[in-house]
Amino acid sequence: MSKPEITICLGSSCFARGNERNLQLIEEYLSSHHLVDEVDLRLGCSLCQGKCASGPNVTINGVTYGGVDPGMMLELLKNLFKEQQK
């Protein structure tokens, strides 16, 4: 399996609309599911991606998701890491 990659937009609009919480949620999810040392993950942040109207934006393995709230973020993480949790 290739290395999963998550990029969080930290432009001012996405940050203010919830990506600060989404970043915390990712870190908490990895820790609580014991994935920190089990998964080789590239977790990065970017400045504005130019899609402010659809934010907060999160890109996972090249696919950008808009309007990512904590519930959606959890679903995205569950889908991304379903193989490691079996």
N, C-alpha and C. Protein backbone atom coordinates (compact mmCIF):
# COMPACT_ATOMS: atom_id res chain seq x y z
N MET A 1 0.84 -1.18 0.00
CA MET A 1 0.00 0.00 0.00
C MET A 1 0.88 1.23 0.00
N SER A 2 0.52 2.21 -0.85
CA SER A 2 1.29 3.43 -0.88
C SER A 2 0.99 4.27 0.36
N LYS A 3 1.86 5.19 0.59
CA LYS A 3 1.75 6.05 1.76
C LYS A 3 0.55 6.98 1.62
N PRO A 4 -0.43 6.93 2.56
CA PRO A 4 -1.55 7.86 2.49
C PRO A 4 -1.07 9.30 2.68
N GLU A 5 -1.73 10.22 2.01
CA GLU A 5 -1.32 11.62 2.11
C GLU A 5 -2.55 12.49 2.37
N ILE A 6 -2.48 13.27 3.44
CA ILE A 6 -3.56 14.19 3.81
C ILE A 6 -2.96 15.59 3.86
N THR A 7 -3.62 16.52 3.16
CA THR A 7 -3.19 17.92 3.19
C THR A 7 -4.36 18.76 3.68
N ILE A 8 -4.12 19.53 4.72
CA ILE A 8 -5.12 20.40 5.32
C ILE A 8 -4.85 21.83 4.85
N CYS A 9 -5.87 22.47 4.29
CA CYS A 9 -5.72 23.87 3.91
C CYS A 9 -5.77 24.73 5.18
N LEU A 10 -4.73 25.52 5.38
CA LEU A 10 -4.71 26.40 6.54
C LEU A 10 -4.74 27.87 6.13
N GLY A 11 -5.33 28.13 4.95
CA GLY A 11 -5.60 29.51 4.58
C GLY A 11 -6.54 30.10 5.61
N SER A 12 -6.60 31.41 5.70
CA SER A 12 -7.37 32.04 6.79
C SER A 12 -8.83 31.63 6.79
N SER A 13 -9.46 31.49 5.62
CA SER A 13 -10.87 31.12 5.57
C SER A 13 -11.09 29.68 6.06
N CYS A 14 -10.31 28.73 5.54
CA CYS A 14 -10.47 27.33 5.95
C CYS A 14 -10.10 27.13 7.42
N PHE A 15 -9.07 27.84 7.87
CA PHE A 15 -8.66 27.74 9.26
C PHE A 15 -9.78 28.23 10.17
N ALA A 16 -10.35 29.40 9.84
CA ALA A 16 -11.42 29.97 10.67
C ALA A 16 -12.70 29.14 10.62
N ARG A 17 -12.91 28.43 9.52
CA ARG A 17 -14.15 27.68 9.34
C ARG A 17 -14.06 26.24 9.83
N GLY A 18 -12.90 25.83 10.37
CA GLY A 18 -12.88 24.52 11.00
C GLY A 18 -11.68 23.63 10.76
N ASN A 19 -10.73 24.03 9.92
CA ASN A 19 -9.61 23.13 9.69
C ASN A 19 -8.65 23.04 10.86
N GLU A 20 -8.67 24.01 11.75
CA GLU A 20 -7.86 23.86 12.97
C GLU A 20 -8.36 22.65 13.75
N ARG A 21 -9.67 22.54 13.88
CA ARG A 21 -10.27 21.39 14.58
C ARG A 21 -10.06 20.10 13.80
N ASN A 22 -10.15 20.15 12.47
CA ASN A 22 -9.93 18.95 11.67
C ASN A 22 -8.51 18.41 11.84
N LEU A 23 -7.54 19.29 11.92
CA LEU A 23 -6.16 18.86 12.14
C LEU A 23 -6.03 18.19 13.50
N GLN A 24 -6.63 18.76 14.54
CA GLN A 24 -6.61 18.15 15.87
C GLN A 24 -7.29 16.78 15.84
N LEU A 25 -8.40 16.70 15.13
CA LEU A 25 -9.16 15.46 15.04
C LEU A 25 -8.34 14.35 14.38
N ILE A 26 -7.60 14.68 13.34
CA ILE A 26 -6.74 13.69 12.68
C ILE A 26 -5.71 13.16 13.66
N GLU A 27 -5.06 14.07 14.38
CA GLU A 27 -4.03 13.65 15.34
C GLU A 27 -4.64 12.78 16.44
N GLU A 28 -5.82 13.16 16.94
CA GLU A 28 -6.49 12.36 17.98
C GLU A 28 -6.90 10.99 17.44
N TYR A 29 -7.40 10.94 16.21
CA TYR A 29 -7.85 9.69 15.60
C TYR A 29 -6.66 8.72 15.46
N LEU A 30 -5.56 9.21 14.93
CA LEU A 30 -4.39 8.36 14.76
C LEU A 30 -3.90 7.81 16.09
N SER A 31 -3.89 8.66 17.10
CA SER A 31 -3.43 8.25 18.43
C SER A 31 -4.39 7.23 19.05
N SER A 32 -5.69 7.51 19.03
CA SER A 32 -6.65 6.63 19.70
C SER A 32 -6.82 5.29 18.99
N HIS A 33 -6.50 5.23 17.70
CA HIS A 33 -6.60 3.97 16.96
C HIS A 33 -5.24 3.29 16.79
N HIS A 34 -4.26 3.78 17.53
CA HIS A 34 -2.91 3.20 17.53
C HIS A 34 -2.33 3.12 16.12
N LEU A 35 -2.54 4.17 15.36
CA LEU A 35 -2.06 4.21 13.99
C LEU A 35 -0.81 5.07 13.82
N VAL A 36 -0.44 5.78 14.85
CA VAL A 36 0.69 6.70 14.74
C VAL A 36 1.95 5.97 14.28
N ASP A 37 2.24 4.84 14.88
CA ASP A 37 3.44 4.09 14.53
C ASP A 37 3.17 3.00 13.50
N GLU A 38 1.90 2.74 13.20
CA GLU A 38 1.54 1.67 12.28
C GLU A 38 1.39 2.14 10.84
N VAL A 39 1.14 3.42 10.65
CA VAL A 39 0.87 3.94 9.33
C VAL A 39 1.94 4.97 8.97
N ASP A 40 2.50 4.81 7.78
CA ASP A 40 3.45 5.79 7.28
C ASP A 40 2.64 6.82 6.51
N LEU A 41 2.30 7.90 7.20
CA LEU A 41 1.39 8.92 6.67
C LEU A 41 2.13 10.20 6.40
N ARG A 42 1.81 10.82 5.29
CA ARG A 42 2.29 12.18 5.01
C ARG A 42 1.16 13.13 5.37
N LEU A 43 1.31 13.83 6.45
CA LEU A 43 0.31 14.80 6.88
C LEU A 43 0.92 16.18 6.73
N GLY A 44 0.31 16.97 5.89
CA GLY A 44 0.86 18.30 5.64
C GLY A 44 -0.21 19.36 5.65
N CYS A 45 0.25 20.58 5.63
CA CYS A 45 -0.66 21.71 5.58
C CYS A 45 -0.27 22.57 4.39
N SER A 46 -1.23 23.28 3.88
CA SER A 46 -0.94 24.18 2.77
C SER A 46 -1.52 25.54 3.09
N LEU A 47 -1.02 26.52 2.39
CA LEU A 47 -1.65 27.83 2.47
C LEU A 47 -2.87 27.78 1.56
N CYS A 48 -3.50 28.86 1.34
CA CYS A 48 -4.76 28.90 0.59
C CYS A 48 -4.67 28.11 -0.71
N GLN A 49 -5.67 27.25 -0.92
CA GLN A 49 -5.76 26.44 -2.13
C GLN A 49 -6.63 27.12 -3.18
N GLY A 50 -7.17 28.30 -2.88
CA GLY A 50 -7.96 29.05 -3.83
C GLY A 50 -9.39 28.55 -3.98
N LYS A 51 -9.84 27.73 -3.04
CA LYS A 51 -11.19 27.19 -3.08
C LYS A 51 -11.95 27.60 -1.81
N CYS A 52 -11.78 28.84 -1.43
CA CYS A 52 -12.29 29.33 -0.16
C CYS A 52 -13.80 29.15 0.02
N ALA A 53 -14.55 29.33 -1.04
CA ALA A 53 -16.01 29.26 -0.93
C ALA A 53 -16.50 27.88 -0.53
N SER A 54 -15.70 26.85 -0.84
CA SER A 54 -16.13 25.48 -0.51
C SER A 54 -15.48 24.96 0.76
N GLY A 55 -14.71 25.77 1.47
CA GLY A 55 -13.96 25.32 2.63
C GLY A 55 -14.81 25.04 3.85
N PRO A 56 -14.22 24.43 4.84
CA PRO A 56 -12.82 24.06 4.92
C PRO A 56 -12.50 22.87 4.01
N ASN A 57 -11.33 22.97 3.36
CA ASN A 57 -10.91 21.98 2.37
C ASN A 57 -9.82 21.06 2.92
N VAL A 58 -9.96 19.79 2.58
CA VAL A 58 -8.97 18.78 2.95
C VAL A 58 -8.73 17.93 1.71
N THR A 59 -7.46 17.66 1.39
CA THR A 59 -7.13 16.82 0.25
C THR A 59 -6.56 15.51 0.77
N ILE A 60 -7.14 14.40 0.31
CA ILE A 60 -6.68 13.07 0.71
C ILE A 60 -6.33 12.30 -0.55
N ASN A 61 -5.08 11.91 -0.65
CA ASN A 61 -4.58 11.16 -1.81
C ASN A 61 -5.00 11.80 -3.13
N GLY A 62 -4.86 13.13 -3.19
CA GLY A 62 -5.12 13.86 -4.42
C GLY A 62 -6.56 14.25 -4.67
N VAL A 63 -7.49 13.83 -3.81
CA VAL A 63 -8.90 14.18 -3.96
C VAL A 63 -9.24 15.25 -2.92
N THR A 64 -9.76 16.39 -3.40
CA THR A 64 -10.09 17.49 -2.50
C THR A 64 -11.55 17.41 -2.08
N TYR A 65 -11.77 17.53 -0.79
CA TYR A 65 -13.11 17.52 -0.20
C TYR A 65 -13.37 18.90 0.38
N GLY A 66 -14.55 19.44 0.13
CA GLY A 66 -14.92 20.75 0.63
C GLY A 66 -15.98 20.61 1.71
N GLY A 67 -16.09 21.64 2.52
CA GLY A 67 -17.10 21.66 3.58
C GLY A 67 -16.88 20.57 4.62
N VAL A 68 -15.61 20.28 4.89
CA VAL A 68 -15.27 19.18 5.79
C VAL A 68 -15.49 19.60 7.24
N ASP A 69 -16.52 19.03 7.85
CA ASP A 69 -16.77 19.25 9.27
C ASP A 69 -16.23 18.04 10.03
N PRO A 70 -16.22 18.06 11.36
CA PRO A 70 -15.65 16.95 12.12
C PRO A 70 -16.29 15.59 11.79
N GLY A 71 -17.59 15.54 11.57
CA GLY A 71 -18.25 14.28 11.23
C GLY A 71 -17.75 13.72 9.92
N MET A 72 -17.65 14.59 8.92
CA MET A 72 -17.14 14.16 7.61
C MET A 72 -15.68 13.76 7.72
N MET A 73 -14.90 14.49 8.51
CA MET A 73 -13.49 14.17 8.67
C MET A 73 -13.33 12.77 9.26
N LEU A 74 -14.15 12.43 10.25
CA LEU A 74 -14.09 11.08 10.84
C LEU A 74 -14.42 10.01 9.81
N GLU A 75 -15.42 10.25 8.98
CA GLU A 75 -15.78 9.27 7.94
C GLU A 75 -14.65 9.10 6.93
N LEU A 76 -14.02 10.21 6.55
CA LEU A 76 -12.90 10.14 5.61
C LEU A 76 -11.75 9.33 6.21
N LEU A 77 -11.47 9.55 7.49
CA LEU A 77 -10.40 8.80 8.15
C LEU A 77 -10.73 7.32 8.26
N LYS A 78 -11.98 7.00 8.61
CA LYS A 78 -12.39 5.60 8.70
C LYS A 78 -12.20 4.90 7.37
N ASN A 79 -12.60 5.56 6.28
CA ASN A 79 -12.44 4.97 4.95
C ASN A 79 -10.98 4.84 4.56
N LEU A 80 -10.18 5.83 4.89
CA LEU A 80 -8.77 5.81 4.52
C LEU A 80 -8.01 4.71 5.25
N PHE A 81 -8.34 4.48 6.51
CA PHE A 81 -7.58 3.54 7.32
C PHE A 81 -8.29 2.22 7.60
N LYS A 82 -9.31 1.90 6.83
CA LYS A 82 -10.08 0.67 7.10
C LYS A 82 -9.22 -0.58 7.00
N GLU A 83 -8.23 -0.62 6.13
CA GLU A 83 -7.37 -1.79 6.00
C GLU A 83 -6.50 -1.99 7.26
N GLN A 84 -6.00 -0.91 7.82
CA GLN A 84 -5.13 -1.01 8.99
C GLN A 84 -5.90 -1.37 10.27
N GLN A 85 -7.22 -1.21 10.27
CA GLN A 85 -8.00 -1.43 11.49
C GLN A 85 -8.61 -2.82 11.56
N LYS A 86 -8.34 -3.66 10.58
CA LYS A 86 -8.93 -5.01 10.60
C LYS A 86 -8.23 -5.90 11.58
